Amino acid sequence: SQVRAQIEQILEQCDSEEPAAELFNTARIIDILGLLCRTAPVQVNLCDQKKNRDRSAGLAKIRKSFDYIEAHYNENIRLKDIARDAGFSEYYFSRLFKETMEVNFHQYLNEYRVRKAEYLLTNSNYTVSEVAYGVGFSSISTFDRLFRSMKGCSPQEFRKLRVGI
């Protein structure tokens, strides 16, 4: 109710041509933030903080692999190639990637390729086959199966829904 009252005061001042109206509204916004801070539950979960710190460190270590994926997603990327490019053993890279991204490398790569395919299906006149091969899938059936499992519809249905073709 206190936040609502502050918002109502701001709305009343919106049409005002008083010289201090903007300052008044800024003060009301600060009051709202203060109210929210006072009433928000304060919980510090040390496990979450450690997890976030570990994830940040992991992201820093595998950052180079995201650049590699972006540049080569449409090629046959093997785990050993990307691990080597990032400067890690295949086993260590795989474990670090999974811990950091909460999905394994191949799942991430397939999701990335499907996102690229979504864009092409929506913004180009390429056939579904051209899109599948263009984003790095080596088989139409694999592309169709993964696309369907991730998006809930086939690539053709997706295109019809998005583009209306």
C-alpha atoms as a PDB file:
ATOM      1  CA  SER A   1       0.000   0.000   0.000  1.00  0.00           C
ATOM      2  CA  GLN A   2       2.898   2.357   0.727  1.00  0.00           C
ATOM      3  CA  VAL A   3       4.469   1.606  -2.663  1.00  0.00           C
ATOM      4  CA  ARG A   4       1.105   2.151  -4.358  1.00  0.00           C
ATOM      5  CA  ALA A   5       0.763   5.528  -2.637  1.00  0.00           C
ATOM      6  CA  GLN A   6       4.220   6.560  -3.861  1.00  0.00           C
ATOM      7  CA  ILE A   7       3.376   5.483  -7.422  1.00  0.00           C
ATOM      8  CA  GLU A   8       0.113   7.421  -7.322  1.00  0.00           C
ATOM      9  CA  GLN A   9       2.029  10.524  -6.236  1.00  0.00           C
ATOM     10  CA  ILE A  10       4.439  10.055  -9.142  1.00  0.00           C
ATOM     11  CA  LEU A  11       1.544   9.724 -11.593  1.00  0.00           C
ATOM     12  CA  GLU A  12      -0.036  12.901 -10.244  1.00  0.00           C
ATOM     13  CA  GLN A  13       3.212  14.759 -10.849  1.00  0.00           C
ATOM     14  CA  CYS A  14       3.732  13.430 -14.393  1.00  0.00           C
ATOM     15  CA  ASP A  15       1.558  16.105 -15.989  1.00  0.00           C
ATOM     16  CA  SER A  16       2.769  18.811 -13.657  1.00  0.00           C
ATOM     17  CA  GLU A  17       4.813  21.624 -15.110  1.00  0.00           C
ATOM     18  CA  GLU A  18       6.266  22.592 -11.753  1.00  0.00           C
ATOM     19  CA  PRO A  19      10.030  23.088 -11.886  1.00  0.00           C
ATOM     20  CA  ALA A  20      10.598  20.593  -9.066  1.00  0.00           C
ATOM     21  CA  ALA A  21       8.297  17.842 -10.427  1.00  0.00           C
ATOM     22  CA  GLU A  22      11.197  15.755 -11.722  1.00  0.00           C
ATOM     23  CA  LEU A  23      13.031  16.068  -8.410  1.00  0.00           C
ATOM     24  CA  PHE A  24       9.826  15.122  -6.569  1.00  0.00           C
ATOM     25  CA  ASN A  25       9.411  11.992  -8.721  1.00  0.00           C
ATOM     26  CA  THR A  26      13.042  11.020  -8.203  1.00  0.00           C
ATOM     27  CA  ALA A  27      12.535  11.274  -4.448  1.00  0.00           C
ATOM     28  CA  ARG A  28       9.408   9.077  -4.683  1.00  0.00           C
ATOM     29  CA  ILE A  29      11.358   6.450  -6.638  1.00  0.00           C
ATOM     30  CA  ILE A  30      14.051   6.449  -3.961  1.00  0.00           C
ATOM     31  CA  ASP A  31      11.318   6.069  -1.336  1.00  0.00           C
ATOM     32  CA  ILE A  32       9.926   3.078  -3.256  1.00  0.00           C
ATOM     33  CA  LEU A  33      13.365   1.476  -3.439  1.00  0.00           C
ATOM     34  CA  GLY A  34      13.809   2.020   0.293  1.00  0.00           C
ATOM     35  CA  LEU A  35      10.445   0.408   1.023  1.00  0.00           C
ATOM     36  CA  LEU A  36      11.282  -2.563  -1.169  1.00  0.00           C
ATOM     37  CA  CYS A  37      14.681  -3.015   0.465  1.00  0.00           C
ATOM     38  CA  ARG A  38      13.173  -2.913   3.934  1.00  0.00           C
ATOM     39  CA  THR A  39      10.466  -5.435   3.149  1.00  0.00           C
ATOM     40  CA  ALA A  40      12.418  -7.808   0.886  1.00  0.00           C
ATOM     41  CA  PRO A  41      13.496 -11.006   2.583  1.00  0.00           C
ATOM     42  CA  VAL A  42      17.225 -11.040   3.123  1.00  0.00           C
ATOM     43  CA  GLN A  43      18.641 -14.492   2.691  1.00  0.00           C
ATOM     44  CA  VAL A  44      22.231 -15.183   1.974  1.00  0.00           C
ATOM     45  CA  ASN A  45      22.892 -18.674   0.818  1.00  0.00           C
ATOM     46  CA  LEU A  46      26.609 -19.323   1.088  1.00  0.00           C
ATOM     47  CA  CYS A  47      26.328 -22.418  -1.101  1.00  0.00           C
ATOM     48  CA  ASP A  48      24.817 -20.328  -3.909  1.00  0.00           C
ATOM     49  CA  GLN A  49      27.584 -17.746  -3.551  1.00  0.00           C
ATOM     50  CA  LYS A  50      30.240 -20.468  -3.816  1.00  0.00           C
ATOM     51  CA  LYS A  51      28.436 -22.022  -6.777  1.00  0.00           C
ATOM     52  CA  ASN A  52      28.272 -18.641  -8.535  1.00  0.00           C
ATOM     53  CA  ARG A  53      31.965 -18.005  -7.834  1.00  0.00           C
ATOM     54  CA  ASP A  54      32.866 -21.460  -9.168  1.00  0.00           C
ATOM     55  CA  ARG A  55      30.676 -20.901 -12.236  1.00  0.00           C
ATOM     56  CA  SER A  56      32.334 -17.529 -12.924  1.00  0.00           C
ATOM     57  CA  ALA A  57      35.763 -19.126 -12.684  1.00  0.00           C
ATOM     58  CA  GLY A  58      34.631 -21.938 -14.984  1.00  0.00           C
ATOM     59  CA  LEU A  59      33.222 -19.466 -17.508  1.00  0.00           C
ATOM     60  CA  ALA A  60      36.515 -17.587 -17.538  1.00  0.00           C
ATOM     61  CA  LYS A  61      38.354 -20.838 -18.271  1.00  0.00           C
ATOM     62  CA  ILE A  62      36.071 -21.961 -21.098  1.00  0.00           C
ATOM     63  CA  ARG A  63      35.352 -18.509 -22.563  1.00  0.00           C
ATOM     64  CA  LYS A  64      37.588 -19.247 -25.510  1.00  0.00           C
ATOM     65  CA  SER A  65      35.469 -22.264 -26.410  1.00  0.00           C
ATOM     66  CA  PHE A  66      32.402 -20.064 -26.945  1.00  0.00           C
ATOM     67  CA  ASP A  67      34.342 -18.041 -29.513  1.00  0.00           C
ATOM     68  CA  TYR A  68      35.334 -21.305 -31.191  1.00  0.00           C
ATOM     69  CA  ILE A  69      31.720 -22.512 -31.261  1.00  0.00           C
ATOM     70  CA  GLU A  70      30.526 -19.209 -32.706  1.00  0.00           C
ATOM     71  CA  ALA A  71      33.128 -19.347 -35.467  1.00  0.00           C
ATOM     72  CA  HIS A  72      32.800 -23.069 -36.279  1.00  0.00           C
ATOM     73  CA  TYR A  73      29.270 -24.153 -35.241  1.00  0.00           C
ATOM     74  CA  ASN A  74      28.458 -25.112 -38.828  1.00  0.00           C
ATOM     75  CA  GLU A  75      31.430 -27.492 -39.019  1.00  0.00           C
ATOM     76  CA  ASN A  76      31.979 -30.923 -37.513  1.00  0.00           C
ATOM     77  CA  ILE A  77      33.189 -29.886 -34.041  1.00  0.00           C
ATOM     78  CA  ARG A  78      34.638 -32.709 -32.017  1.00  0.00           C
ATOM     79  CA  LEU A  79      35.050 -32.493 -28.272  1.00  0.00           C
ATOM     80  CA  LYS A  80      38.767 -33.166 -28.516  1.00  0.00           C
ATOM     81  CA  ASP A  81      39.208 -30.276 -30.985  1.00  0.00           C
ATOM     82  CA  ILE A  82      37.476 -27.709 -28.825  1.00  0.00           C
ATOM     83  CA  ALA A  83      39.169 -28.983 -25.661  1.00  0.00           C
ATOM     84  CA  ARG A  84      42.556 -28.696 -27.342  1.00  0.00           C
ATOM     85  CA  ASP A  85      41.700 -25.197 -28.627  1.00  0.00           C
ATOM     86  CA  ALA A  86      40.751 -24.158 -25.073  1.00  0.00           C
ATOM     87  CA  GLY A  87      44.001 -25.664 -23.761  1.00  0.00           C
ATOM     88  CA  PHE A  88      42.546 -28.568 -21.763  1.00  0.00           C
ATOM     89  CA  SER A  89      42.413 -32.326 -21.894  1.00  0.00           C
ATOM     90  CA  GLU A  90      39.196 -33.736 -23.308  1.00  0.00           C
ATOM     91  CA  TYR A  91      38.198 -35.175 -19.926  1.00  0.00           C
ATOM     92  CA  TYR A  92      38.880 -31.975 -17.953  1.00  0.00           C
ATOM     93  CA  PHE A  93      37.158 -29.766 -20.517  1.00  0.00           C
ATOM     94  CA  SER A  94      34.111 -32.013 -20.606  1.00  0.00           C
ATOM     95  CA  ARG A  95      33.799 -32.035 -16.813  1.00  0.00           C
ATOM     96  CA  LEU A  96      34.413 -28.277 -16.492  1.00  0.00           C
ATOM     97  CA  PHE A  97      31.927 -27.475 -19.258  1.00  0.00           C
ATOM     98  CA  LYS A  98      29.220 -29.602 -17.650  1.00  0.00           C
ATOM     99  CA  GLU A  99      29.822 -28.091 -14.187  1.00  0.00           C
ATOM    100  CA  THR A 100      29.821 -24.560 -15.536  1.00  0.00           C
ATOM    101  CA  MET A 101      27.032 -24.678 -18.115  1.00  0.00           C
ATOM    102  CA  GLU A 102      24.867 -27.355 -16.440  1.00  0.00           C
ATOM    103  CA  VAL A 103      24.600 -29.160 -19.792  1.00  0.00           C
ATOM    104  CA  ASN A 104      27.230 -31.196 -21.561  1.00  0.00           C
ATOM    105  CA  PHE A 105      29.166 -29.803 -24.491  1.00  0.00           C
ATOM    106  CA  HIS A 106      27.193 -31.669 -27.165  1.00  0.00           C
ATOM    107  CA  GLN A 107      23.849 -30.541 -25.706  1.00  0.00           C
ATOM    108  CA  TYR A 108      25.087 -26.945 -25.685  1.00  0.00           C
ATOM    109  CA  LEU A 109      26.343 -27.206 -29.273  1.00  0.00           C
ATOM    110  CA  ASN A 110      23.044 -28.691 -30.466  1.00  0.00           C
ATOM    111  CA  GLU A 111      21.052 -25.981 -28.675  1.00  0.00           C
ATOM    112  CA  TYR A 112      23.290 -23.325 -30.242  1.00  0.00           C
ATOM    113  CA  ARG A 113      22.779 -24.827 -33.696  1.00  0.00           C
ATOM    114  CA  VAL A 114      19.013 -24.997 -33.212  1.00  0.00           C
ATOM    115  CA  ARG A 115      18.962 -21.297 -32.196  1.00  0.00           C
ATOM    116  CA  LYS A 116      20.862 -20.467 -35.390  1.00  0.00           C
ATOM    117  CA  ALA A 117      18.418 -22.623 -37.354  1.00  0.00           C
ATOM    118  CA  GLU A 118      15.462 -20.788 -35.800  1.00  0.00           C
ATOM    119  CA  TYR A 119      16.871 -17.517 -37.068  1.00  0.00           C
ATOM    120  CA  LEU A 120      17.444 -18.887 -40.579  1.00  0.00           C
ATOM    121  CA  LEU A 121      14.008 -20.494 -40.740  1.00  0.00           C
ATOM    122  CA  THR A 122      12.424 -17.195 -39.753  1.00  0.00           C
ATOM    123  CA  ASN A 123      14.600 -14.802 -41.746  1.00  0.00           C
ATOM    124  CA  SER A 124      15.581 -16.572 -44.954  1.00  0.00           C
ATOM    125  CA  ASN A 125      14.224 -18.527 -47.867  1.00  0.00           C
ATOM    126  CA  TYR A 126      16.574 -21.479 -47.377  1.00  0.00           C
ATOM    127  CA  THR A 127      14.979 -24.897 -47.440  1.00  0.00           C
ATOM    128  CA  VAL A 128      14.884 -26.861 -44.205  1.00  0.00           C
ATOM    129  CA  SER A 129      17.625 -29.125 -45.581  1.00  0.00           C
ATOM    130  CA  GLU A 130      19.843 -26.140 -46.408  1.00  0.00           C
ATOM    131  CA  VAL A 131      19.281 -24.764 -42.911  1.00  0.00           C
ATOM    132  CA  ALA A 132      20.078 -28.117 -41.283  1.00  0.00           C
ATOM    133  CA  TYR A 133      23.349 -28.547 -43.154  1.00  0.00           C
ATOM    134  CA  GLY A 134      24.126 -24.834 -42.885  1.00  0.00           C
ATOM    135  CA  VAL A 135      24.092 -24.889 -39.084  1.00  0.00           C
ATOM    136  CA  GLY A 136      26.233 -27.993 -38.832  1.00  0.00           C
ATOM    137  CA  PHE A 137      23.931 -30.987 -38.701  1.00  0.00           C
ATOM    138  CA  SER A 138      25.117 -33.886 -40.820  1.00  0.00           C
ATOM    139  CA  SER A 139      21.682 -35.460 -41.167  1.00  0.00           C
ATOM    140  CA  ILE A 140      18.203 -34.076 -41.753  1.00  0.00           C
ATOM    141  CA  SER A 141      16.629 -36.682 -39.469  1.00  0.00           C
ATOM    142  CA  THR A 142      18.928 -35.735 -36.568  1.00  0.00           C
ATOM    143  CA  PHE A 143      18.161 -32.061 -37.131  1.00  0.00           C
ATOM    144  CA  ASP A 144      14.428 -32.725 -37.286  1.00  0.00           C
ATOM    145  CA  ARG A 145      14.490 -34.922 -34.155  1.00  0.00           C
ATOM    146  CA  LEU A 146      16.537 -32.441 -32.077  1.00  0.00           C
ATOM    147  CA  PHE A 147      14.587 -29.425 -33.322  1.00  0.00           C
ATOM    148  CA  ARG A 148      11.305 -31.144 -32.504  1.00  0.00           C
ATOM    149  CA  SER A 149      12.468 -32.160 -29.008  1.00  0.00           C
ATOM    150  CA  MET A 150      13.728 -28.648 -28.198  1.00  0.00           C
ATOM    151  CA  LYS A 151      10.958 -26.578 -29.805  1.00  0.00           C
ATOM    152  CA  GLY A 152       7.958 -28.895 -29.661  1.00  0.00           C
ATOM    153  CA  CYS A 153       7.359 -28.777 -33.401  1.00  0.00           C
ATOM    154  CA  SER A 154       9.112 -29.661 -36.634  1.00  0.00           C
ATOM    155  CA  PRO A 155      11.258 -27.084 -38.450  1.00  0.00           C
ATOM    156  CA  GLN A 156       8.568 -26.829 -41.152  1.00  0.00           C
ATOM    157  CA  GLU A 157       5.849 -26.208 -38.552  1.00  0.00           C
ATOM    158  CA  PHE A 158       8.079 -23.670 -36.818  1.00  0.00           C
ATOM    159  CA  ARG A 159       8.549 -21.768 -40.076  1.00  0.00           C
ATOM    160  CA  LYS A 160       4.805 -21.771 -40.763  1.00  0.00           C
ATOM    161  CA  LEU A 161       4.047 -20.496 -37.256  1.00  0.00           C
ATOM    162  CA  ARG A 162       6.715 -17.778 -37.329  1.00  0.00           C
ATOM    163  CA  VAL A 163       6.615 -16.642 -40.916  1.00  0.00           C
ATOM    164  CA  GLY A 164       3.136 -17.703 -41.959  1.00  0.00           C
ATOM    165  CA  ILE A 165       4.379 -19.452 -45.084  1.00  0.00           C
END
